[in-house]
Amino acid sequence: MFEIFLKYLTDKIELSDQEIQLIESVCKLKKLRKKQFLSQEGEVWHYNAFICRGLVKTFSIAENGTEHIINFAPENYWTGDRESLINGTPSRLNIDAIEPTELILIEKADFEKLCVEIPQLNQMVNQIIQKSFIVSQGRILANISFTAEEKYQNFLEKYPHIVNRIPQHMIASYIGITPETLTRLRRNMFRK
């Protein structure tokens, strides 16, 4: 698994053998079964997590039991609860595997140390955070201004690499519509 993570890193930044060894020394490998939790609401999240294989979702559950999916993280994506990680507060989110998943966990203190000792890693992390912020802004804008059909079309355009790996009811939750509405939209789209 570390080789997958190393390839991801070396595609983005140059690393010396010593830096690679330092990174590898703080990586913890984790495997999840389908539907197994990585983190649950109420726990404090302590890691930066990189998905090597598989697919996870981050979600909350409303008091009425409705699941609200915040994001999906397939291979070569990072996941976790940044609010809990940064503030040290109990998470309001759950993260579980949609399919069997292998990931790398790096504890917060170790990750911060890596970013200090490997400036190009720190720069890469900052770029990822900036891109993530831009994606979040786009998602908020879509949720408040797009029609249901536009939300679904937007999802298909942005995530063609995972759309067939995610059950339709989860896609509906992510874009903020009911599964019935999504079924109707899909039926109408296929008729066109």
C-alpha atoms as a PDB file:
ATOM      1  CA  MET A   1       0.000   0.000   0.000  1.00  0.00           C
ATOM      2  CA  PHE A   2       2.799   2.432   0.787  1.00  0.00           C
ATOM      3  CA  GLU A   3       3.953   2.152  -2.845  1.00  0.00           C
ATOM      4  CA  ILE A   4       0.598   3.568  -4.000  1.00  0.00           C
ATOM      5  CA  PHE A   5       0.957   6.492  -1.604  1.00  0.00           C
ATOM      6  CA  LEU A   6       4.573   7.034  -2.625  1.00  0.00           C
ATOM      7  CA  LYS A   7       3.616   7.115  -6.314  1.00  0.00           C
ATOM      8  CA  TYR A   8       0.940   9.705  -5.539  1.00  0.00           C
ATOM      9  CA  LEU A   9       3.495  11.848  -3.699  1.00  0.00           C
ATOM     10  CA  THR A  10       6.316  11.510  -6.228  1.00  0.00           C
ATOM     11  CA  ASP A  11       3.944  12.390  -9.082  1.00  0.00           C
ATOM     12  CA  LYS A  12       3.465  15.739  -7.325  1.00  0.00           C
ATOM     13  CA  ILE A  13       6.764  16.471  -5.549  1.00  0.00           C
ATOM     14  CA  GLU A  14      10.397  15.366  -5.504  1.00  0.00           C
ATOM     15  CA  LEU A  15      11.503  13.405  -2.455  1.00  0.00           C
ATOM     16  CA  SER A  16      14.919  12.198  -1.349  1.00  0.00           C
ATOM     17  CA  ASP A  17      15.398   8.631  -0.110  1.00  0.00           C
ATOM     18  CA  GLN A  18      15.719  10.007   3.411  1.00  0.00           C
ATOM     19  CA  GLU A  19      12.429  11.909   3.111  1.00  0.00           C
ATOM     20  CA  ILE A  20      10.698   8.804   1.756  1.00  0.00           C
ATOM     21  CA  GLN A  21      11.940   6.787   4.738  1.00  0.00           C
ATOM     22  CA  LEU A  22      10.741   9.502   7.106  1.00  0.00           C
ATOM     23  CA  ILE A  23       7.283   9.486   5.535  1.00  0.00           C
ATOM     24  CA  GLU A  24       7.085   5.689   5.545  1.00  0.00           C
ATOM     25  CA  SER A  25       8.093   5.542   9.222  1.00  0.00           C
ATOM     26  CA  VAL A  26       4.936   7.419  10.313  1.00  0.00           C
ATOM     27  CA  CYS A  27       2.416   5.709   7.988  1.00  0.00           C
ATOM     28  CA  LYS A  28      -0.072   3.289   9.497  1.00  0.00           C
ATOM     29  CA  LEU A  29      -1.840   0.907   7.130  1.00  0.00           C
ATOM     30  CA  LYS A  30      -5.544   0.312   7.649  1.00  0.00           C
ATOM     31  CA  LYS A  31      -8.036  -1.949   5.897  1.00  0.00           C
ATOM     32  CA  LEU A  32     -11.790  -1.535   6.035  1.00  0.00           C
ATOM     33  CA  ARG A  33     -14.482  -3.997   5.086  1.00  0.00           C
ATOM     34  CA  LYS A  34     -17.487  -2.728   3.153  1.00  0.00           C
ATOM     35  CA  LYS A  35     -19.718  -0.737   5.556  1.00  0.00           C
ATOM     36  CA  GLN A  36     -16.996  -0.664   8.240  1.00  0.00           C
ATOM     37  CA  PHE A  37     -16.522   2.672   9.984  1.00  0.00           C
ATOM     38  CA  LEU A  38     -13.239   4.539   9.842  1.00  0.00           C
ATOM     39  CA  SER A  39     -14.591   7.152  12.238  1.00  0.00           C
ATOM     40  CA  GLN A  40     -17.881   7.748  14.015  1.00  0.00           C
ATOM     41  CA  GLU A  41     -19.699  10.779  15.304  1.00  0.00           C
ATOM     42  CA  GLY A  42     -18.545  11.640  18.829  1.00  0.00           C
ATOM     43  CA  GLU A  43     -14.974  10.414  18.357  1.00  0.00           C
ATOM     44  CA  VAL A  44     -12.063  12.832  18.048  1.00  0.00           C
ATOM     45  CA  TRP A  45     -10.348  12.434  14.655  1.00  0.00           C
ATOM     46  CA  HIS A  46      -6.521  12.337  14.901  1.00  0.00           C
ATOM     47  CA  TYR A  47      -5.316  11.509  11.379  1.00  0.00           C
ATOM     48  CA  ASN A  48      -4.648  12.602   7.859  1.00  0.00           C
ATOM     49  CA  ALA A  49      -5.988   9.683   5.810  1.00  0.00           C
ATOM     50  CA  PHE A  50      -5.083   8.796   2.227  1.00  0.00           C
ATOM     51  CA  ILE A  51      -7.159   6.294   0.239  1.00  0.00           C
ATOM     52  CA  CYS A  52      -4.973   3.748  -1.597  1.00  0.00           C
ATOM     53  CA  ARG A  53      -7.776   1.459  -2.782  1.00  0.00           C
ATOM     54  CA  GLY A  54     -11.518   1.555  -2.331  1.00  0.00           C
ATOM     55  CA  LEU A  55     -14.095   4.232  -1.629  1.00  0.00           C
ATOM     56  CA  VAL A  56     -15.412   5.886   1.536  1.00  0.00           C
ATOM     57  CA  LYS A  57     -18.160   8.366   2.280  1.00  0.00           C
ATOM     58  CA  THR A  58     -18.304  11.071   4.922  1.00  0.00           C
ATOM     59  CA  PHE A  59     -21.771  11.752   6.276  1.00  0.00           C
ATOM     60  CA  SER A  60     -23.943  12.920   9.121  1.00  0.00           C
ATOM     61  CA  ILE A  61     -27.251  11.521  10.302  1.00  0.00           C
ATOM     62  CA  ALA A  62     -30.131  13.889  11.084  1.00  0.00           C
ATOM     63  CA  GLU A  63     -32.351  13.366  14.098  1.00  0.00           C
ATOM     64  CA  ASN A  64     -35.008  11.840  11.821  1.00  0.00           C
ATOM     65  CA  GLY A  65     -32.464   9.245  10.621  1.00  0.00           C
ATOM     66  CA  THR A  66     -31.816  10.845   7.223  1.00  0.00           C
ATOM     67  CA  GLU A  67     -28.260  10.400   5.983  1.00  0.00           C
ATOM     68  CA  HIS A  68     -26.577  13.535   4.604  1.00  0.00           C
ATOM     69  CA  ILE A  69     -23.464  12.687   2.588  1.00  0.00           C
ATOM     70  CA  ILE A  70     -20.786  15.371   2.709  1.00  0.00           C
ATOM     71  CA  ASN A  71     -18.311  13.745   0.321  1.00  0.00           C
ATOM     72  CA  PHE A  72     -16.909  10.652  -1.309  1.00  0.00           C
ATOM     73  CA  ALA A  73     -13.223   9.736  -1.308  1.00  0.00           C
ATOM     74  CA  PRO A  74     -11.957   7.160  -3.820  1.00  0.00           C
ATOM     75  CA  GLU A  75      -8.352   6.195  -4.582  1.00  0.00           C
ATOM     76  CA  ASN A  76      -5.805   9.017  -4.409  1.00  0.00           C
ATOM     77  CA  TYR A  77      -8.092  11.205  -2.315  1.00  0.00           C
ATOM     78  CA  TRP A  78      -7.622  12.352   1.263  1.00  0.00           C
ATOM     79  CA  THR A  79     -10.372  11.964   3.833  1.00  0.00           C
ATOM     80  CA  GLY A  80     -11.093  12.758   7.453  1.00  0.00           C
ATOM     81  CA  ASP A  81     -12.802  15.317   9.621  1.00  0.00           C
ATOM     82  CA  ARG A  82     -10.727  18.522   9.455  1.00  0.00           C
ATOM     83  CA  GLU A  83     -12.807  20.301  12.098  1.00  0.00           C
ATOM     84  CA  SER A  84     -12.236  17.525  14.641  1.00  0.00           C
ATOM     85  CA  LEU A  85      -8.570  17.152  13.646  1.00  0.00           C
ATOM     86  CA  ILE A  86      -7.748  20.858  13.959  1.00  0.00           C
ATOM     87  CA  ASN A  87      -9.886  21.692  16.997  1.00  0.00           C
ATOM     88  CA  GLY A  88      -9.555  18.400  18.876  1.00  0.00           C
ATOM     89  CA  THR A  89     -13.331  18.308  19.286  1.00  0.00           C
ATOM     90  CA  PRO A  90     -15.626  15.297  18.917  1.00  0.00           C
ATOM     91  CA  SER A  91     -16.592  14.718  15.308  1.00  0.00           C
ATOM     92  CA  ARG A  92     -20.055  15.478  14.030  1.00  0.00           C
ATOM     93  CA  LEU A  93     -19.407  13.162  11.076  1.00  0.00           C
ATOM     94  CA  ASN A  94     -19.138   9.486  10.241  1.00  0.00           C
ATOM     95  CA  ILE A  95     -16.810   7.941   7.684  1.00  0.00           C
ATOM     96  CA  ASP A  96     -17.399   4.425   6.385  1.00  0.00           C
ATOM     97  CA  ALA A  97     -16.391   2.248   3.479  1.00  0.00           C
ATOM     98  CA  ILE A  98     -18.700   1.901   0.479  1.00  0.00           C
ATOM     99  CA  GLU A  99     -16.435  -0.897  -0.776  1.00  0.00           C
ATOM    100  CA  PRO A 100     -13.437  -2.717   0.746  1.00  0.00           C
ATOM    101  CA  THR A 101     -10.860   0.003   1.322  1.00  0.00           C
ATOM    102  CA  GLU A 102      -7.151   0.241   2.076  1.00  0.00           C
ATOM    103  CA  LEU A 103      -5.758   3.482   3.390  1.00  0.00           C
ATOM    104  CA  ILE A 104      -2.811   5.116   5.061  1.00  0.00           C
ATOM    105  CA  LEU A 105      -3.202   7.026   8.309  1.00  0.00           C
ATOM    106  CA  ILE A 106      -0.704   9.596   9.554  1.00  0.00           C
ATOM    107  CA  GLU A 107      -1.234  11.020  13.033  1.00  0.00           C
ATOM    108  CA  LYS A 108      -1.662  14.788  13.279  1.00  0.00           C
ATOM    109  CA  ALA A 109       1.629  15.467  15.125  1.00  0.00           C
ATOM    110  CA  ASP A 110       3.590  13.254  12.718  1.00  0.00           C
ATOM    111  CA  PHE A 111       1.994  14.922   9.700  1.00  0.00           C
ATOM    112  CA  GLU A 112       2.783  18.385  11.028  1.00  0.00           C
ATOM    113  CA  LYS A 113       6.390  17.319  11.621  1.00  0.00           C
ATOM    114  CA  LEU A 114       6.629  15.985   8.048  1.00  0.00           C
ATOM    115  CA  CYS A 115       5.318  19.292   6.697  1.00  0.00           C
ATOM    116  CA  VAL A 116       7.983  21.203   8.632  1.00  0.00           C
ATOM    117  CA  GLU A 117      10.821  18.874   7.627  1.00  0.00           C
ATOM    118  CA  ILE A 118       9.731  18.490   3.980  1.00  0.00           C
ATOM    119  CA  PRO A 119       8.752  21.968   2.698  1.00  0.00           C
ATOM    120  CA  GLN A 120       7.588  20.689  -0.697  1.00  0.00           C
ATOM    121  CA  LEU A 121       5.137  18.366   1.111  1.00  0.00           C
ATOM    122  CA  ASN A 122       3.804  21.349   3.032  1.00  0.00           C
ATOM    123  CA  GLN A 123       3.378  23.251  -0.223  1.00  0.00           C
ATOM    124  CA  MET A 124       1.527  20.281  -1.762  1.00  0.00           C
ATOM    125  CA  VAL A 125      -0.794  20.067   1.268  1.00  0.00           C
ATOM    126  CA  ASN A 126      -1.574  23.790   1.029  1.00  0.00           C
ATOM    127  CA  GLN A 127      -2.459  23.391  -2.662  1.00  0.00           C
ATOM    128  CA  ILE A 128      -4.761  20.463  -1.826  1.00  0.00           C
ATOM    129  CA  ILE A 129      -6.483  22.493   0.899  1.00  0.00           C
ATOM    130  CA  GLN A 130      -6.972  25.405  -1.508  1.00  0.00           C
ATOM    131  CA  LYS A 131      -8.459  23.123  -4.170  1.00  0.00           C
ATOM    132  CA  SER A 132     -10.696  21.520  -1.545  1.00  0.00           C
ATOM    133  CA  PHE A 133     -11.972  24.950  -0.514  1.00  0.00           C
ATOM    134  CA  ILE A 134     -12.753  25.816  -4.140  1.00  0.00           C
ATOM    135  CA  VAL A 135     -14.626  22.510  -4.579  1.00  0.00           C
ATOM    136  CA  SER A 136     -16.603  23.202  -1.377  1.00  0.00           C
ATOM    137  CA  GLN A 137     -17.550  26.670  -2.593  1.00  0.00           C
ATOM    138  CA  GLY A 138     -18.707  25.214  -5.893  1.00  0.00           C
ATOM    139  CA  ARG A 139     -20.763  22.602  -4.113  1.00  0.00           C
ATOM    140  CA  ILE A 140     -22.449  25.178  -1.885  1.00  0.00           C
ATOM    141  CA  LEU A 141     -23.255  27.349  -4.896  1.00  0.00           C
ATOM    142  CA  ALA A 142     -24.677  24.353  -6.779  1.00  0.00           C
ATOM    143  CA  ASN A 143     -26.825  23.341  -3.811  1.00  0.00           C
ATOM    144  CA  ILE A 144     -28.366  26.774  -3.427  1.00  0.00           C
ATOM    145  CA  SER A 145     -28.805  27.673  -7.091  1.00  0.00           C
ATOM    146  CA  PHE A 146     -29.040  24.544  -9.276  1.00  0.00           C
ATOM    147  CA  THR A 147     -32.181  22.622 -10.110  1.00  0.00           C
ATOM    148  CA  ALA A 148     -32.267  18.937  -9.179  1.00  0.00           C
ATOM    149  CA  GLU A 149     -31.426  18.001 -12.777  1.00  0.00           C
ATOM    150  CA  GLU A 150     -28.496  20.435 -12.861  1.00  0.00           C
ATOM    151  CA  LYS A 151     -27.184  19.039  -9.559  1.00  0.00           C
ATOM    152  CA  TYR A 152     -27.246  15.507 -10.943  1.00  0.00           C
ATOM    153  CA  GLN A 153     -25.685  16.546 -14.249  1.00  0.00           C
ATOM    154  CA  ASN A 154     -22.977  18.426 -12.333  1.00  0.00           C
ATOM    155  CA  PHE A 155     -22.253  15.310 -10.247  1.00  0.00           C
ATOM    156  CA  LEU A 156     -21.957  13.164 -13.372  1.00  0.00           C
ATOM    157  CA  GLU A 157     -19.548  15.651 -14.951  1.00  0.00           C
ATOM    158  CA  LYS A 158     -17.365  16.091 -11.869  1.00  0.00           C
ATOM    159  CA  TYR A 159     -17.187  12.444 -10.765  1.00  0.00           C
ATOM    160  CA  PRO A 160     -17.430  10.177 -13.836  1.00  0.00           C
ATOM    161  CA  HIS A 161     -14.710   7.932 -12.377  1.00  0.00           C
ATOM    162  CA  ILE A 162     -16.844   6.913  -9.374  1.00  0.00           C
ATOM    163  CA  VAL A 163     -20.467   7.374 -10.435  1.00  0.00           C
ATOM    164  CA  ASN A 164     -20.922   3.664 -11.234  1.00  0.00           C
ATOM    165  CA  ARG A 165     -19.417   2.634  -7.886  1.00  0.00           C
ATOM    166  CA  ILE A 166     -21.931   4.537  -5.759  1.00  0.00           C
ATOM    167  CA  PRO A 167     -25.518   3.398  -5.106  1.00  0.00           C
ATOM    168  CA  GLN A 168     -28.118   5.803  -6.478  1.00  0.00           C
ATOM    169  CA  HIS A 169     -29.599   6.575  -3.040  1.00  0.00           C
ATOM    170  CA  MET A 170     -26.146   7.805  -1.917  1.00  0.00           C
ATOM    171  CA  ILE A 171     -25.814  10.040  -4.964  1.00  0.00           C
ATOM    172  CA  ALA A 172     -29.267  11.451  -4.157  1.00  0.00           C
ATOM    173  CA  SER A 173     -28.177  12.149  -0.576  1.00  0.00           C
ATOM    174  CA  TYR A 174     -24.976  13.839  -1.764  1.00  0.00           C
ATOM    175  CA  ILE A 175     -26.763  16.188  -4.170  1.00  0.00           C
ATOM    176  CA  GLY A 176     -29.584  16.860  -1.716  1.00  0.00           C
ATOM    177  CA  ILE A 177     -32.579  15.252  -3.408  1.00  0.00           C
ATOM    178  CA  THR A 178     -34.721  12.225  -2.633  1.00  0.00           C
ATOM    179  CA  PRO A 179     -33.962   8.863  -4.230  1.00  0.00           C
ATOM    180  CA  GLU A 180     -37.397   9.033  -5.894  1.00  0.00           C
ATOM    181  CA  THR A 181     -36.552  12.376  -7.493  1.00  0.00           C
ATOM    182  CA  LEU A 182     -33.266  10.970  -8.758  1.00  0.00           C
ATOM    183  CA  THR A 183     -35.043   7.942 -10.248  1.00  0.00           C
ATOM    184  CA  ARG A 184     -37.476  10.267 -12.038  1.00  0.00           C
ATOM    185  CA  LEU A 185     -34.613  12.481 -13.297  1.00  0.00           C
ATOM    186  CA  ARG A 186     -32.673   9.510 -14.629  1.00  0.00           C
ATOM    187  CA  ARG A 187     -35.745   8.127 -16.353  1.00  0.00           C
ATOM    188  CA  ASN A 188     -36.382  11.498 -18.033  1.00  0.00           C
ATOM    189  CA  MET A 189     -32.726  11.866 -19.063  1.00  0.00           C
ATOM    190  CA  PHE A 190     -32.694   8.434 -20.705  1.00  0.00           C
ATOM    191  CA  ARG A 191     -35.851   9.262 -22.650  1.00  0.00           C
ATOM    192  CA  LYS A 192     -34.219  12.335 -24.230  1.00  0.00           C
END
